[in-house]
Structures are given as structure tokens and as C-alpha cells.
Amino acid sequence: MATTYNNLYLDIRRQLKAAGIENAQVEARELVCSATEKSREQMLQDMSLYVGNDAERRARELVERRLNGEPVAYIIGEWDFYGMTMEVSRDVLIPRMDTELLAERAILLTREAGGDARMLDLCAGTGCVGLAVAANTDVRSVVLADSSDAALSVCKQNIRRQGLSARVTAVKADALQPPQSNLGDFNVIACNPPYIPTEDIKDLDPSVRDYEPIQALDGGEDGLDFYRAVTSQWGCALRKGGHLAFELGIGQVGKVEMLLLEHGFQDIKTYQDTAGVWRVVEAAVGS
């Protein structure tokens, strides 16, 4: 019996809800759109039409992968962040709404720095933070830096997808090591580093633990390895009056504030996300 887009969507949403998936409505829509190669707008327009057999079979296969634990972003190969659709692979973390606060602060700091500003997205992953800055400011140059060649490949795909090749570049750099001199200096460095304590990784939700890249999660024994390295070694890459902004894990704010103070950063400010978690800390480089 033929199935309409509406009935296919409703059935998939029901299956996802029954499996305890929190965002079943959004995920059902994305899976149907991916399987049928339709935009969200096209799917809404075609809700009363019948789905072809091949497209329905593809949708059912995608749902089975989701029900087996694979994150929907990896299944469809993209995810939205700050009004942009980013390409995603299992070589990078999936962009999360929590990180939009870091992007927002980086955008505001970059705007304050003026049109000649340079901005660095360190531990870039998909490049979502730096690309949000480039798309929402007149910044002269944004650099996406990551130690993973596979992540840099995703960054480059996203630079092209967003049409920002004129102002955004991707380079290899290890946040645990001092910056290379050829990187130059920046008005703003935003960093969303690995911050999960090593021992805690085994207790993460399976959709994270079993699918997302461990090297992008593991922050060392106490989760602070990258904060120590960046606060101690990357201040020299900031221009006078420049700012460093970090995303934080739950309960890390006080320890990261202390690291910033120990290494001469000033004017430290912290910001809560929509769940009330202290999610971002920023500070100005010392004079």
C-alpha cells in the first residue's frame, strides 16, 4: 500500500519517540528529507503526495540506523549550527546548540575589534564557530585550526559550502603545542577543546561514546589538558587587547578561571547557556 510523506514522517516520529529519542520530531523530518532528497520546504509542500518505494525503503534503513544508536547528523551527513548547515562526518564532533554561545561571544568580540580583525577557531572540528564569525561580521581573516587532517578536510568542505573561501582558511595546528609563527596574531581566539575527563568517557551516552571521535572528547585525566596548554602557550598569538574565549564542560568554570589568572589574563567574564550551565569563559590578554 502506498504511503504519503505525511504518514511516513508520522510513523518515523512515532518509532523515534517510542525509543526515547528526545528530538523525535526534528530527527524524523531530517531522516525523511535525506532519504527522499527533498528540502524541508519541499517535504512540507509534498506531505499529501505518495512516496516512491525506493525512497521509503531508504528512509526505513536510515531509521534502523538511528534506532541502533547512530546520531542522525552522521546518518544524513550534515547538521545546522547558528543558521548555517554544516557538513559532518565521524571525524568531527557534531555541532551542538551549547556551542552557539561560544560563537555568539566570538562574534561580538570580533565586531568590537573592527574590520581589520583576525580571528582563530582553535580545535575547530567542523569549523562551525569560525564560520559563524565570518558569516556574521566583516572580519578580515578567520583561521580554522585543528590537529586532525580529517577534521581539516571537513573544515574545507564547510568553507566552500558557506561561500567564505575569500576570508576563511584551514590550517593544521595542535592546541597542545605552542603556536607556529606563521599563524600570525589574532584579535580573538575561540576554542572548544576536548574537555571530558578520560575516565568519564566510558560513561557517556553510547551515541557519543561509540560514534564521535574520542580525540575530540578526551581532555586528559581531569579534562583540563587543553585549557592548561592554551592558557600557558597561546597568549602570544593574541594582539594587544585581544581576547581568548573557551567553551567549558560542566563544573569546570572555576578551574579554568584560575588558569587564566595564573597566566596573566585579565577582565575574565563567564556566561551561562540556556540550561543555566556556566558554558563560556573569556578573558583579555594581559599587557
C-alpha atoms as a PDB file:
ATOM      1  CA  MET A   1       0.000   0.000   0.000  1.00  0.00           C
ATOM      2  CA  ALA A   2       1.367   3.423  -0.987  1.00  0.00           C
ATOM      3  CA  THR A   3       2.474   5.751   1.821  1.00  0.00           C
ATOM      4  CA  THR A   4       2.225   9.533   1.837  1.00  0.00           C
ATOM      5  CA  TYR A   5       5.081  11.729   3.030  1.00  0.00           C
ATOM      6  CA  ASN A   6       2.930  12.746   5.968  1.00  0.00           C
ATOM      7  CA  ASN A   7       2.260   9.162   7.043  1.00  0.00           C
ATOM      8  CA  LEU A   8       5.909   8.199   6.599  1.00  0.00           C
ATOM      9  CA  TYR A   9       7.005  11.152   8.714  1.00  0.00           C
ATOM     10  CA  LEU A  10       4.431  10.400  11.429  1.00  0.00           C
ATOM     11  CA  ASP A  11       5.383   6.731  11.558  1.00  0.00           C
ATOM     12  CA  ILE A  12       9.088   7.510  11.846  1.00  0.00           C
ATOM     13  CA  ARG A  13       8.417  10.110  14.517  1.00  0.00           C
ATOM     14  CA  ARG A  14       6.381   7.534  16.459  1.00  0.00           C
ATOM     15  CA  GLN A  15       9.215   4.998  16.274  1.00  0.00           C
ATOM     16  CA  LEU A  16      11.771   7.517  17.463  1.00  0.00           C
ATOM     17  CA  LYS A  17       9.555   8.694  20.323  1.00  0.00           C
ATOM     18  CA  ALA A  18       8.956   5.096  21.392  1.00  0.00           C
ATOM     19  CA  ALA A  19      12.732   4.618  21.503  1.00  0.00           C
ATOM     20  CA  GLY A  20      13.046   7.596  23.873  1.00  0.00           C
ATOM     21  CA  ILE A  21      14.690   9.925  21.368  1.00  0.00           C
ATOM     22  CA  GLU A  22      14.187  13.434  22.685  1.00  0.00           C
ATOM     23  CA  ASN A  23      14.059  15.396  19.413  1.00  0.00           C
ATOM     24  CA  ALA A  24      11.949  12.848  17.551  1.00  0.00           C
ATOM     25  CA  GLN A  25      10.060  15.479  15.543  1.00  0.00           C
ATOM     26  CA  VAL A  26      13.184  17.170  14.195  1.00  0.00           C
ATOM     27  CA  GLU A  27      15.022  13.906  13.595  1.00  0.00           C
ATOM     28  CA  ALA A  28      12.089  12.320  11.762  1.00  0.00           C
ATOM     29  CA  ARG A  29      11.911  15.313   9.444  1.00  0.00           C
ATOM     30  CA  GLU A  30      15.644  15.222   8.741  1.00  0.00           C
ATOM     31  CA  LEU A  31      15.661  11.489   8.040  1.00  0.00           C
ATOM     32  CA  VAL A  32      12.734  11.739   5.619  1.00  0.00           C
ATOM     33  CA  CYS A  33      14.299  14.729   3.839  1.00  0.00           C
ATOM     34  CA  SER A  34      17.613  12.905   3.475  1.00  0.00           C
ATOM     35  CA  ALA A  35      16.078   9.652   2.246  1.00  0.00           C
ATOM     36  CA  THR A  36      13.814  11.380  -0.285  1.00  0.00           C
ATOM     37  CA  GLU A  37      16.385  14.035  -1.299  1.00  0.00           C
ATOM     38  CA  LYS A  38      13.957  16.843  -0.576  1.00  0.00           C
ATOM     39  CA  SER A  39      14.477  20.146   1.202  1.00  0.00           C
ATOM     40  CA  ARG A  40      12.408  20.823   4.307  1.00  0.00           C
ATOM     41  CA  GLU A  41      10.237  23.217   2.291  1.00  0.00           C
ATOM     42  CA  GLN A  42       9.680  20.633  -0.451  1.00  0.00           C
ATOM     43  CA  MET A  43       8.726  17.976   2.068  1.00  0.00           C
ATOM     44  CA  LEU A  44       6.153  20.253   3.675  1.00  0.00           C
ATOM     45  CA  GLN A  45       4.660  21.038   0.285  1.00  0.00           C
ATOM     46  CA  ASP A  46       4.505  17.353  -0.663  1.00  0.00           C
ATOM     47  CA  MET A  47       3.042  15.934   2.568  1.00  0.00           C
ATOM     48  CA  SER A  48      -0.104  14.668   0.836  1.00  0.00           C
ATOM     49  CA  LEU A  49       1.805  13.035  -2.039  1.00  0.00           C
ATOM     50  CA  TYR A  50       2.887   9.397  -2.160  1.00  0.00           C
ATOM     51  CA  VAL A  51       6.465   8.367  -1.501  1.00  0.00           C
ATOM     52  CA  GLY A  52       8.200   6.144  -4.057  1.00  0.00           C
ATOM     53  CA  ASN A  53       9.073   2.630  -2.937  1.00  0.00           C
ATOM     54  CA  ASP A  54      12.834   3.178  -3.175  1.00  0.00           C
ATOM     55  CA  ALA A  55      12.666   6.396  -1.157  1.00  0.00           C
ATOM     56  CA  GLU A  56      10.544   4.752   1.519  1.00  0.00           C
ATOM     57  CA  ARG A  57      12.969   1.826   1.718  1.00  0.00           C
ATOM     58  CA  ARG A  58      15.892   4.255   2.141  1.00  0.00           C
ATOM     59  CA  ALA A  59      14.008   6.084   4.901  1.00  0.00           C
ATOM     60  CA  ARG A  60      13.322   2.831   6.758  1.00  0.00           C
ATOM     61  CA  GLU A  61      17.008   1.897   6.505  1.00  0.00           C
ATOM     62  CA  LEU A  62      18.063   5.279   7.917  1.00  0.00           C
ATOM     63  CA  VAL A  63      15.615   4.909  10.794  1.00  0.00           C
ATOM     64  CA  GLU A  64      17.028   1.497  11.621  1.00  0.00           C
ATOM     65  CA  ARG A  65      20.500   3.017  11.882  1.00  0.00           C
ATOM     66  CA  ARG A  66      19.149   5.709  14.208  1.00  0.00           C
ATOM     67  CA  LEU A  67      17.355   3.162  16.371  1.00  0.00           C
ATOM     68  CA  ASN A  68      20.658   1.268  16.646  1.00  0.00           C
ATOM     69  CA  GLY A  69      22.221   4.369  18.199  1.00  0.00           C
ATOM     70  CA  GLU A  70      23.917   6.212  15.336  1.00  0.00           C
ATOM     71  CA  PRO A  71      23.434  10.004  15.650  1.00  0.00           C
ATOM     72  CA  VAL A  72      21.166  11.456  12.994  1.00  0.00           C
ATOM     73  CA  ALA A  73      23.778  14.053  11.983  1.00  0.00           C
ATOM     74  CA  TYR A  74      26.206  11.305  10.936  1.00  0.00           C
ATOM     75  CA  ILE A  75      23.438   9.441   9.128  1.00  0.00           C
ATOM     76  CA  ILE A  76      22.464  12.426   6.974  1.00  0.00           C
ATOM     77  CA  GLY A  77      25.978  13.936   6.807  1.00  0.00           C
ATOM     78  CA  GLU A  78      25.074  17.458   7.921  1.00  0.00           C
ATOM     79  CA  TRP A  79      23.713  19.477  10.835  1.00  0.00           C
ATOM     80  CA  ASP A  80      22.569  23.036  11.484  1.00  0.00           C
ATOM     81  CA  PHE A  81      24.554  25.489  13.568  1.00  0.00           C
ATOM     82  CA  TYR A  82      23.922  29.222  14.047  1.00  0.00           C
ATOM     83  CA  GLY A  83      21.690  29.415  10.981  1.00  0.00           C
ATOM     84  CA  MET A  84      24.091  27.523   8.706  1.00  0.00           C
ATOM     85  CA  THR A  85      24.080  23.905   7.564  1.00  0.00           C
ATOM     86  CA  MET A  86      27.436  22.254   8.209  1.00  0.00           C
ATOM     87  CA  GLU A  87      28.778  19.104   6.609  1.00  0.00           C
ATOM     88  CA  VAL A  88      29.561  16.499   9.257  1.00  0.00           C
ATOM     89  CA  SER A  89      31.451  13.211   9.328  1.00  0.00           C
ATOM     90  CA  ARG A  90      32.505  10.833  12.085  1.00  0.00           C
ATOM     91  CA  ASP A  91      35.906  12.578  12.055  1.00  0.00           C
ATOM     92  CA  VAL A  92      34.423  15.596  13.862  1.00  0.00           C
ATOM     93  CA  LEU A  93      32.084  16.316  16.739  1.00  0.00           C
ATOM     94  CA  ILE A  94      28.506  17.138  15.813  1.00  0.00           C
ATOM     95  CA  PRO A  95      27.883  20.894  16.280  1.00  0.00           C
ATOM     96  CA  ARG A  96      25.712  21.451  19.343  1.00  0.00           C
ATOM     97  CA  MET A  97      23.412  24.232  20.436  1.00  0.00           C
ATOM     98  CA  ASP A  98      25.538  24.662  23.592  1.00  0.00           C
ATOM     99  CA  THR A  99      28.400  25.831  21.376  1.00  0.00           C
ATOM    100  CA  GLU A 100      26.285  28.607  19.826  1.00  0.00           C
ATOM    101  CA  LEU A 101      27.023  30.634  22.971  1.00  0.00           C
ATOM    102  CA  LEU A 102      30.760  30.453  22.203  1.00  0.00           C
ATOM    103  CA  ALA A 103      30.022  31.511  18.618  1.00  0.00           C
ATOM    104  CA  GLU A 104      27.878  34.396  19.841  1.00  0.00           C
ATOM    105  CA  ARG A 105      30.603  35.694  22.160  1.00  0.00           C
ATOM    106  CA  ALA A 106      33.253  35.308  19.437  1.00  0.00           C
ATOM    107  CA  ILE A 107      31.062  37.250  17.006  1.00  0.00           C
ATOM    108  CA  LEU A 108      30.581  40.103  19.474  1.00  0.00           C
ATOM    109  CA  LEU A 109      34.282  40.241  20.384  1.00  0.00           C
ATOM    110  CA  THR A 110      35.275  40.203  16.719  1.00  0.00           C
ATOM    111  CA  ARG A 111      32.850  43.005  15.891  1.00  0.00           C
ATOM    112  CA  GLU A 112      34.305  45.078  18.723  1.00  0.00           C
ATOM    113  CA  ALA A 113      37.790  44.547  17.289  1.00  0.00           C
ATOM    114  CA  GLY A 114      36.825  46.206  13.980  1.00  0.00           C
ATOM    115  CA  GLY A 115      37.031  45.344  10.303  1.00  0.00           C
ATOM    116  CA  ASP A 116      40.777  44.683  10.280  1.00  0.00           C
ATOM    117  CA  ALA A 117      40.364  41.918  12.858  1.00  0.00           C
ATOM    118  CA  ARG A 118      41.715  38.378  12.586  1.00  0.00           C
ATOM    119  CA  MET A 119      40.007  35.506  14.392  1.00  0.00           C
ATOM    120  CA  LEU A 120      41.195  31.963  15.170  1.00  0.00           C
ATOM    121  CA  ASP A 121      38.926  28.963  15.753  1.00  0.00           C
ATOM    122  CA  LEU A 122      41.231  26.590  17.647  1.00  0.00           C
ATOM    123  CA  CYS A 123      40.244  22.895  17.862  1.00  0.00           C
ATOM    124  CA  ALA A 124      37.896  23.781  15.023  1.00  0.00           C
ATOM    125  CA  GLY A 125      36.302  20.406  14.212  1.00  0.00           C
ATOM    126  CA  THR A 126      33.692  21.282  11.580  1.00  0.00           C
ATOM    127  CA  GLY A 127      34.828  24.910  11.703  1.00  0.00           C
ATOM    128  CA  CYS A 128      31.364  25.929  12.873  1.00  0.00           C
ATOM    129  CA  VAL A 129      32.451  28.638  15.342  1.00  0.00           C
ATOM    130  CA  GLY A 130      34.874  30.374  12.999  1.00  0.00           C
ATOM    131  CA  LEU A 131      32.453  30.149  10.087  1.00  0.00           C
ATOM    132  CA  ALA A 132      29.689  31.686  12.215  1.00  0.00           C
ATOM    133  CA  VAL A 133      32.049  34.571  12.962  1.00  0.00           C
ATOM    134  CA  ALA A 134      32.944  35.037   9.295  1.00  0.00           C
ATOM    135  CA  ALA A 135      29.287  34.906   8.227  1.00  0.00           C
ATOM    136  CA  ASN A 136      28.138  37.426  10.828  1.00  0.00           C
ATOM    137  CA  THR A 137      30.949  40.005  10.859  1.00  0.00           C
ATOM    138  CA  ASP A 138      33.150  41.866   8.392  1.00  0.00           C
ATOM    139  CA  VAL A 139      36.268  40.253   9.895  1.00  0.00           C
ATOM    140  CA  ARG A 140      39.234  40.394   7.516  1.00  0.00           C
ATOM    141  CA  SER A 141      40.507  36.874   8.166  1.00  0.00           C
ATOM    142  CA  VAL A 142      39.340  33.747  10.000  1.00  0.00           C
ATOM    143  CA  VAL A 143      41.626  30.745  10.508  1.00  0.00           C
ATOM    144  CA  LEU A 144      40.221  27.313  11.341  1.00  0.00           C
ATOM    145  CA  ALA A 145      42.893  25.234  13.103  1.00  0.00           C
ATOM    146  CA  ASP A 146      42.830  21.577  14.063  1.00  0.00           C
ATOM    147  CA  SER A 147      45.423  18.844  14.593  1.00  0.00           C
ATOM    148  CA  SER A 148      43.377  16.284  12.625  1.00  0.00           C
ATOM    149  CA  ASP A 149      43.822  16.092   8.859  1.00  0.00           C
ATOM    150  CA  ALA A 150      40.372  14.501   8.577  1.00  0.00           C
ATOM    151  CA  ALA A 151      38.789  17.359  10.536  1.00  0.00           C
ATOM    152  CA  LEU A 152      40.566  19.906   8.332  1.00  0.00           C
ATOM    153  CA  SER A 153      39.073  18.199   5.286  1.00  0.00           C
ATOM    154  CA  VAL A 154      35.605  18.761   6.779  1.00  0.00           C
ATOM    155  CA  CYS A 155      36.539  22.393   7.565  1.00  0.00           C
ATOM    156  CA  LYS A 156      37.495  22.969   3.945  1.00  0.00           C
ATOM    157  CA  GLN A 157      34.230  21.450   2.715  1.00  0.00           C
ATOM    158  CA  ASN A 158      32.312  23.788   5.021  1.00  0.00           C
ATOM    159  CA  ILE A 159      34.296  26.842   3.952  1.00  0.00           C
ATOM    160  CA  ARG A 160      33.281  26.119   0.361  1.00  0.00           C
ATOM    161  CA  ARG A 161      29.692  25.268   1.295  1.00  0.00           C
ATOM    162  CA  GLN A 162      29.268  28.603   3.079  1.00  0.00           C
ATOM    163  CA  GLY A 163      30.923  30.551   0.261  1.00  0.00           C
ATOM    164  CA  LEU A 164      33.559  32.013   2.577  1.00  0.00           C
ATOM    165  CA  SER A 165      36.788  30.998   0.812  1.00  0.00           C
ATOM    166  CA  ALA A 166      37.856  34.629   0.387  1.00  0.00           C
ATOM    167  CA  ARG A 167      38.168  35.214   4.140  1.00  0.00           C
ATOM    168  CA  VAL A 168      38.469  31.790   5.791  1.00  0.00           C
ATOM    169  CA  THR A 169      41.347  29.317   5.657  1.00  0.00           C
ATOM    170  CA  ALA A 170      42.009  25.974   7.373  1.00  0.00           C
ATOM    171  CA  VAL A 171      45.437  25.083   8.775  1.00  0.00           C
ATOM    172  CA  LYS A 172      46.934  22.270  10.806  1.00  0.00           C
ATOM    173  CA  ALA A 173      47.842  23.260  14.354  1.00  0.00           C
ATOM    174  CA  ASP A 174      47.996  21.397  17.663  1.00  0.00           C
ATOM    175  CA  ALA A 175      46.462  23.307  20.586  1.00  0.00           C
ATOM    176  CA  LEU A 176      48.659  21.321  22.998  1.00  0.00           C
ATOM    177  CA  GLN A 177      51.784  22.823  21.402  1.00  0.00           C
ATOM    178  CA  PRO A 178      52.911  26.462  21.095  1.00  0.00           C
ATOM    179  CA  PRO A 179      51.540  28.257  18.025  1.00  0.00           C
ATOM    180  CA  GLN A 180      53.589  28.250  14.855  1.00  0.00           C
ATOM    181  CA  SER A 181      54.961  31.683  13.985  1.00  0.00           C
ATOM    182  CA  ASN A 182      53.434  31.577  10.513  1.00  0.00           C
ATOM    183  CA  LEU A 183      49.938  31.604  12.021  1.00  0.00           C
ATOM    184  CA  GLY A 184      50.335  35.283  12.811  1.00  0.00           C
ATOM    185  CA  ASP A 185      48.398  37.034  15.561  1.00  0.00           C
ATOM    186  CA  PHE A 186      44.711  37.434  16.284  1.00  0.00           C
ATOM    187  CA  ASN A 187      42.219  39.733  17.949  1.00  0.00           C
ATOM    188  CA  VAL A 188      40.064  36.785  19.046  1.00  0.00           C
ATOM    189  CA  ILE A 189      40.837  33.128  19.704  1.00  0.00           C
ATOM    190  CA  ALA A 190      37.809  30.896  20.320  1.00  0.00           C
ATOM    191  CA  CYS A 191      38.463  27.365  21.480  1.00  0.00           C
ATOM    192  CA  ASN A 192      36.081  24.469  22.091  1.00  0.00           C
ATOM    193  CA  PRO A 193      38.644  21.902  23.231  1.00  0.00           C
ATOM    194  CA  PRO A 194      38.284  18.274  24.280  1.00  0.00           C
ATOM    195  CA  TYR A 195      37.225  18.559  27.932  1.00  0.00           C
ATOM    196  CA  ILE A 196      35.818  15.210  29.081  1.00  0.00           C
ATOM    197  CA  PRO A 197      37.995  13.558  31.769  1.00  0.00           C
ATOM    198  CA  THR A 198      39.417  10.326  30.339  1.00  0.00           C
ATOM    199  CA  GLU A 199      37.783   8.111  32.960  1.00  0.00           C
ATOM    200  CA  ASP A 200      34.351   9.650  32.270  1.00  0.00           C
ATOM    201  CA  ILE A 201      34.309   8.772  28.572  1.00  0.00           C
ATOM    202  CA  LYS A 202      33.152   5.210  29.230  1.00  0.00           C
ATOM    203  CA  ASP A 203      30.030   6.603  30.937  1.00  0.00           C
ATOM    204  CA  LEU A 204      28.977   8.895  28.082  1.00  0.00           C
ATOM    205  CA  ASP A 205      25.780   8.234  26.187  1.00  0.00           C
ATOM    206  CA  PRO A 206      26.503   5.478  23.612  1.00  0.00           C
ATOM    207  CA  SER A 207      25.536   7.820  20.755  1.00  0.00           C
ATOM    208  CA  VAL A 208      28.521   9.961  21.777  1.00  0.00           C
ATOM    209  CA  ARG A 209      30.934   7.346  23.139  1.00  0.00           C
ATOM    210  CA  ASP A 210      30.566   4.872  20.288  1.00  0.00           C
ATOM    211  CA  TYR A 211      30.327   7.260  17.335  1.00  0.00           C
ATOM    212  CA  GLU A 212      32.002  10.608  17.964  1.00  0.00           C
ATOM    213  CA  PRO A 213      35.823  10.868  17.713  1.00  0.00           C
ATOM    214  CA  ILE A 214      37.454  10.138  21.069  1.00  0.00           C
ATOM    215  CA  GLN A 215      40.337  12.516  20.343  1.00  0.00           C
ATOM    216  CA  ALA A 216      37.822  15.368  20.198  1.00  0.00           C
ATOM    217  CA  LEU A 217      36.341  14.397  23.582  1.00  0.00           C
ATOM    218  CA  ASP A 218      39.284  13.310  25.764  1.00  0.00           C
ATOM    219  CA  GLY A 219      40.645  16.224  27.777  1.00  0.00           C
ATOM    220  CA  GLY A 220      43.063  14.168  29.851  1.00  0.00           C
ATOM    221  CA  GLU A 221      42.873  12.855  33.388  1.00  0.00           C
ATOM    222  CA  ASP A 222      40.924  15.823  34.785  1.00  0.00           C
ATOM    223  CA  GLY A 223      39.615  17.212  31.483  1.00  0.00           C
ATOM    224  CA  LEU A 224      41.826  20.297  31.676  1.00  0.00           C
ATOM    225  CA  ASP A 225      44.846  19.383  29.499  1.00  0.00           C
ATOM    226  CA  PHE A 226      43.866  21.674  26.636  1.00  0.00           C
ATOM    227  CA  TYR A 227      42.953  24.594  28.911  1.00  0.00           C
ATOM    228  CA  ARG A 228      46.382  24.369  30.536  1.00  0.00           C
ATOM    229  CA  ALA A 229      48.175  24.265  27.195  1.00  0.00           C
ATOM    230  CA  VAL A 230      46.236  27.092  25.574  1.00  0.00           C
ATOM    231  CA  THR A 231      46.334  29.463  28.552  1.00  0.00           C
ATOM    232  CA  SER A 232      50.071  28.896  29.036  1.00  0.00           C
ATOM    233  CA  GLN A 233      51.198  28.891  25.393  1.00  0.00           C
ATOM    234  CA  TRP A 234      48.751  30.726  23.133  1.00  0.00           C
ATOM    235  CA  GLY A 235      48.578  34.176  24.730  1.00  0.00           C
ATOM    236  CA  CYS A 236      51.456  35.211  22.472  1.00  0.00           C
ATOM    237  CA  ALA A 237      49.178  34.695  19.455  1.00  0.00           C
ATOM    238  CA  LEU A 238      46.816  37.420  20.657  1.00  0.00           C
ATOM    239  CA  ARG A 239      47.180  41.052  19.683  1.00  0.00           C
ATOM    240  CA  LYS A 240      47.224  43.747  22.360  1.00  0.00           C
ATOM    241  CA  GLY A 241      43.725  43.916  23.816  1.00  0.00           C
ATOM    242  CA  GLY A 242      42.841  40.588  22.209  1.00  0.00           C
ATOM    243  CA  HIS A 243      40.511  38.025  23.769  1.00  0.00           C
ATOM    244  CA  LEU A 244      40.565  34.290  24.391  1.00  0.00           C
ATOM    245  CA  ALA A 245      37.194  32.531  24.753  1.00  0.00           C
ATOM    246  CA  PHE A 246      36.663  28.894  25.792  1.00  0.00           C
ATOM    247  CA  GLU A 247      33.703  26.564  25.871  1.00  0.00           C
ATOM    248  CA  LEU A 248      33.569  24.748  29.211  1.00  0.00           C
ATOM    249  CA  GLY A 249      32.377  21.422  30.500  1.00  0.00           C
ATOM    250  CA  ILE A 250      30.019  21.252  33.464  1.00  0.00           C
ATOM    251  CA  GLY A 251      31.773  22.224  36.687  1.00  0.00           C
ATOM    252  CA  GLN A 252      34.995  23.446  35.057  1.00  0.00           C
ATOM    253  CA  VAL A 253      34.464  27.203  35.222  1.00  0.00           C
ATOM    254  CA  GLY A 254      36.368  27.907  38.458  1.00  0.00           C
ATOM    255  CA  LYS A 255      39.413  25.868  37.464  1.00  0.00           C
ATOM    256  CA  VAL A 256      39.653  27.473  34.022  1.00  0.00           C
ATOM    257  CA  GLU A 257      39.256  30.954  35.507  1.00  0.00           C
ATOM    258  CA  MET A 258      42.211  30.177  37.803  1.00  0.00           C
ATOM    259  CA  LEU A 259      44.318  29.035  34.843  1.00  0.00           C
ATOM    260  CA  LEU A 260      43.564  32.282  33.024  1.00  0.00           C
ATOM    261  CA  LEU A 261      44.551  34.319  36.092  1.00  0.00           C
ATOM    262  CA  GLU A 262      47.746  32.326  36.595  1.00  0.00           C
ATOM    263  CA  HIS A 263      48.837  33.122  33.046  1.00  0.00           C
ATOM    264  CA  GLY A 264      48.179  36.836  33.193  1.00  0.00           C
ATOM    265  CA  PHE A 265      44.796  37.116  31.500  1.00  0.00           C
ATOM    266  CA  GLN A 266      42.555  39.942  32.660  1.00  0.00           C
ATOM    267  CA  ASP A 267      38.904  41.038  32.646  1.00  0.00           C
ATOM    268  CA  ILE A 268      37.596  37.477  32.987  1.00  0.00           C
ATOM    269  CA  LYS A 269      33.895  37.016  32.238  1.00  0.00           C
ATOM    270  CA  THR A 270      31.724  33.903  32.272  1.00  0.00           C
ATOM    271  CA  TYR A 271      28.394  33.199  30.597  1.00  0.00           C
ATOM    272  CA  GLN A 272      25.620  30.678  31.213  1.00  0.00           C
ATOM    273  CA  ASP A 273      23.909  28.690  28.478  1.00  0.00           C
ATOM    274  CA  THR A 274      20.122  28.293  28.247  1.00  0.00           C
ATOM    275  CA  ALA A 275      20.248  25.405  30.742  1.00  0.00           C
ATOM    276  CA  GLY A 276      21.994  27.568  33.333  1.00  0.00           C
ATOM    277  CA  VAL A 277      25.392  25.884  32.881  1.00  0.00           C
ATOM    278  CA  TRP A 278      28.483  28.115  33.005  1.00  0.00           C
ATOM    279  CA  ARG A 279      29.393  27.348  29.411  1.00  0.00           C
ATOM    280  CA  VAL A 280      31.781  30.082  28.180  1.00  0.00           C
ATOM    281  CA  VAL A 281      34.635  31.963  29.791  1.00  0.00           C
ATOM    282  CA  GLU A 282      36.501  34.778  28.072  1.00  0.00           C
ATOM    283  CA  ALA A 283      39.431  36.954  29.057  1.00  0.00           C
ATOM    284  CA  ALA A 284      41.661  39.668  27.647  1.00  0.00           C
ATOM    285  CA  VAL A 285      45.372  39.110  27.124  1.00  0.00           C
ATOM    286  CA  GLY A 286      47.498  40.813  29.755  1.00  0.00           C
ATOM    287  CA  SER A 287      49.505  43.903  28.804  1.00  0.00           C
END
